[in-house]
Amino acid sequence: MKRPNALPLFLSQHSLIALLIAMLPTSAWAMPAELAASVADVLVWVVILIVPIGAIYLFWKVHILPEIIAEKNHHPQKNAIQVLCLLSLFFGGLLWPIAWLWAFTKPVSYKMAYGTDKHDDYFLKPDGEHANKPMDLAVVEDEMLLLKEKMDGLNKKRELILSKQESNVIGAENA
């Protein structure tokens, strides 16, 4: 019969030897006093100047994220989100979560009221597909494009249903 080890797992023979070697006296290494003082001076200037500038830059970049997301998604209320981001900078970030959520929402009532769910800049791009068209016409054409895409999807779904019905009819006739 095998005798169980009396030492716990973390106190194996190898760890005990390493512990004894670590407790042996050794000589300490230290920097010369002039070098330590110059390193300390450099660290003080880094902490006083560079760290606050970096923190302010990071704070600013995080606070304009909702504005960037709203522009990327052509949010119709992106100007209001931009103002909320600026206000959030002055109020210490308290309004930032509201701007973040607002940038990701799809304003349904806005589309019902104004006929589109995109910002006017989306239709006024000089090199875009609605370059030289009036705003109303650009909105209608965009809506027609979305409806055509939806109709294509519905036609594909219809063809799939019809093909399933035909395969069920053929399967019933063979049985």
Protein backbone atom coordinates (compact mmCIF):
# COMPACT_ATOMS: atom_id res chain seq x y z
CA MET A 1 0.00 0.00 0.00
CA LYS A 2 1.27 3.45 -0.97
CA ARG A 3 1.87 5.88 1.86
CA PRO A 4 0.25 9.32 1.26
CA ASN A 5 2.60 12.27 1.06
CA ALA A 6 2.69 14.14 4.37
CA LEU A 7 3.34 17.52 2.73
CA PRO A 8 0.50 19.47 1.12
CA LEU A 9 0.59 19.85 -2.65
CA PHE A 10 1.95 23.42 -2.62
CA LEU A 11 4.83 22.43 -0.29
CA SER A 12 6.51 19.81 -2.45
CA GLN A 13 10.24 19.14 -2.21
CA HIS A 14 11.05 21.39 -5.16
CA SER A 15 9.13 24.33 -3.74
CA LEU A 16 10.84 23.92 -0.36
CA ILE A 17 14.28 23.98 -2.03
CA ALA A 18 13.34 27.11 -3.99
CA LEU A 19 12.10 28.77 -0.80
CA LEU A 20 15.36 28.00 1.03
CA ILE A 21 17.47 29.36 -1.86
CA ALA A 22 15.37 32.54 -1.93
CA MET A 23 16.03 33.13 1.78
CA LEU A 24 19.82 33.03 1.39
CA PRO A 25 21.45 36.44 1.80
CA THR A 26 22.32 38.23 -1.44
CA SER A 27 23.74 41.60 -2.33
CA ALA A 28 21.23 44.29 -3.23
CA TRP A 29 21.57 46.44 -6.34
CA ALA A 30 20.73 50.10 -6.21
CA MET A 31 21.05 53.01 -8.60
CA PRO A 32 23.47 55.79 -7.88
CA ALA A 33 21.80 58.72 -6.15
CA GLU A 34 22.20 61.08 -9.13
CA LEU A 35 20.59 58.57 -11.51
CA ALA A 36 17.70 57.93 -9.13
CA ALA A 37 17.08 61.68 -8.80
CA SER A 38 17.07 62.22 -12.57
CA VAL A 39 14.73 59.26 -13.14
CA ALA A 40 12.40 60.64 -10.47
CA ASP A 41 12.43 64.08 -12.12
CA VAL A 42 11.49 62.59 -15.48
CA LEU A 43 8.69 60.53 -13.91
CA VAL A 44 7.31 63.59 -12.13
CA TRP A 45 7.11 65.56 -15.39
CA VAL A 46 5.48 62.61 -17.16
CA VAL A 47 2.87 62.27 -14.43
CA ILE A 48 2.23 66.02 -14.22
CA LEU A 49 2.04 66.75 -17.97
CA ILE A 50 1.51 63.68 -20.13
CA VAL A 51 -0.93 61.63 -18.02
CA PRO A 52 -3.54 64.43 -17.66
CA ILE A 53 -3.30 65.27 -21.37
CA GLY A 54 -3.79 61.59 -22.22
CA ALA A 55 -6.71 61.31 -19.81
CA ILE A 56 -8.42 64.40 -21.26
CA TYR A 57 -7.90 63.09 -24.82
CA LEU A 58 -9.34 59.68 -23.90
CA PHE A 59 -12.31 61.31 -22.12
CA TRP A 60 -13.00 63.43 -25.22
CA LYS A 61 -12.70 60.48 -27.65
CA VAL A 62 -15.11 58.37 -25.61
CA HIS A 63 -17.61 61.22 -25.40
CA ILE A 64 -17.79 61.77 -29.16
CA LEU A 65 -18.43 58.08 -29.91
CA PRO A 66 -22.25 58.50 -30.00
CA GLU A 67 -21.84 61.34 -32.50
CA ILE A 68 -19.63 59.20 -34.74
CA ILE A 69 -22.10 56.30 -34.57
CA ALA A 70 -25.02 58.60 -35.40
CA GLU A 71 -23.17 59.96 -38.45
CA LYS A 72 -22.25 56.48 -39.63
CA ASN A 73 -25.86 55.28 -39.35
CA HIS A 74 -27.27 58.49 -40.93
CA HIS A 75 -29.38 59.07 -37.82
CA PRO A 76 -31.96 61.78 -38.54
CA GLN A 77 -31.34 63.45 -35.18
CA LYS A 78 -27.55 63.42 -35.32
CA ASN A 79 -27.29 67.14 -34.64
CA ALA A 80 -29.20 66.74 -31.38
CA ILE A 81 -26.97 63.80 -30.44
CA GLN A 82 -23.93 65.97 -31.16
CA VAL A 83 -25.25 68.70 -28.84
CA LEU A 84 -25.94 66.13 -26.13
CA CYS A 85 -22.36 64.85 -26.46
CA LEU A 86 -21.01 68.37 -26.02
CA LEU A 87 -23.24 68.95 -23.01
CA SER A 88 -22.06 65.66 -21.58
CA LEU A 89 -18.47 66.88 -21.77
CA PHE A 90 -19.36 69.87 -19.58
CA PHE A 91 -21.48 67.87 -17.13
CA GLY A 92 -18.79 65.29 -16.47
CA GLY A 93 -20.23 62.51 -18.57
CA LEU A 94 -23.63 62.27 -16.91
CA LEU A 95 -25.51 62.66 -20.20
CA TRP A 96 -23.23 60.33 -22.18
CA PRO A 97 -25.30 57.13 -21.66
CA ILE A 98 -28.38 58.91 -23.01
CA ALA A 99 -26.46 60.01 -26.12
CA TRP A 100 -25.09 56.47 -26.54
CA LEU A 101 -28.57 54.91 -26.41
CA TRP A 102 -30.05 57.61 -28.63
CA ALA A 103 -27.39 57.02 -31.30
CA PHE A 104 -28.39 53.36 -31.56
CA THR A 105 -32.17 53.85 -31.66
CA LYS A 106 -34.23 53.87 -34.83
CA PRO A 107 -36.71 56.76 -34.56
CA VAL A 108 -39.97 55.30 -35.86
CA SER A 109 -42.11 58.33 -35.09
CA TYR A 110 -39.61 60.53 -36.94
CA LYS A 111 -40.18 58.52 -40.11
CA MET A 112 -43.94 58.82 -39.74
CA ALA A 113 -43.67 62.59 -39.26
CA TYR A 114 -41.01 63.45 -41.87
CA GLY A 115 -41.19 60.55 -44.33
CA THR A 116 -37.62 59.33 -43.85
CA ASP A 117 -35.45 57.83 -41.17
CA LYS A 118 -32.19 59.31 -42.46
CA HIS A 119 -30.55 62.67 -41.89
CA ASP A 120 -30.77 65.32 -44.63
CA ASP A 121 -27.02 65.04 -45.22
CA TYR A 122 -27.58 61.52 -46.53
CA PHE A 123 -29.61 62.91 -49.43
CA LEU A 124 -27.46 65.99 -50.03
CA LYS A 125 -24.08 64.33 -50.64
CA PRO A 126 -22.65 65.90 -53.80
CA ASP A 127 -21.18 62.63 -55.05
CA GLY A 128 -23.99 60.38 -53.83
CA GLU A 129 -26.76 58.73 -55.80
CA HIS A 130 -29.14 61.65 -55.05
CA ALA A 131 -26.65 64.32 -56.12
CA ASN A 132 -28.66 66.80 -58.18
CA LYS A 133 -32.19 65.90 -57.14
CA PRO A 134 -34.59 67.82 -54.93
CA MET A 135 -34.86 66.54 -51.38
CA ASP A 136 -38.44 65.26 -51.75
CA LEU A 137 -37.57 63.28 -54.87
CA ALA A 138 -34.48 61.81 -53.20
CA VAL A 139 -36.54 60.65 -50.23
CA VAL A 140 -39.17 59.06 -52.49
CA GLU A 141 -36.52 57.29 -54.59
CA ASP A 142 -34.83 55.96 -51.48
CA GLU A 143 -38.16 54.68 -50.21
CA MET A 144 -38.86 53.03 -53.60
CA LEU A 145 -35.48 51.30 -53.49
CA LEU A 146 -36.25 49.90 -50.04
CA LEU A 147 -39.66 48.70 -51.22
CA LYS A 148 -38.10 47.00 -54.28
CA GLU A 149 -35.65 45.18 -52.03
CA LYS A 150 -38.51 44.09 -49.78
CA MET A 151 -40.53 42.90 -52.81
CA ASP A 152 -37.56 40.85 -54.05
CA GLY A 153 -37.30 39.20 -50.64
CA LEU A 154 -41.01 38.43 -50.61
CA ASN A 155 -40.82 36.96 -54.13
CA LYS A 156 -38.00 34.65 -53.06
CA LYS A 157 -40.00 33.60 -50.02
CA ARG A 158 -43.05 32.94 -52.25
CA GLU A 159 -40.99 30.79 -54.64
CA LEU A 160 -39.62 28.80 -51.71
CA ILE A 161 -43.13 28.15 -50.35
CA LEU A 162 -44.37 27.10 -53.79
CA SER A 163 -41.44 24.73 -54.31
CA LYS A 164 -42.11 23.14 -50.91
CA GLN A 165 -45.79 22.68 -51.79
CA GLU A 166 -44.88 21.09 -55.12
CA SER A 167 -42.45 18.68 -53.43
CA ASN A 168 -45.16 17.77 -50.88
CA VAL A 169 -47.66 17.11 -53.70
CA ILE A 170 -45.14 14.98 -55.60
CA GLY A 171 -44.28 13.08 -52.40
CA ALA A 172 -47.99 12.42 -51.73
CA GLU A 173 -48.54 11.13 -55.27
CA ASN A 174 -45.60 8.72 -55.00
CA ALA A 175 -46.82 7.31 -51.70
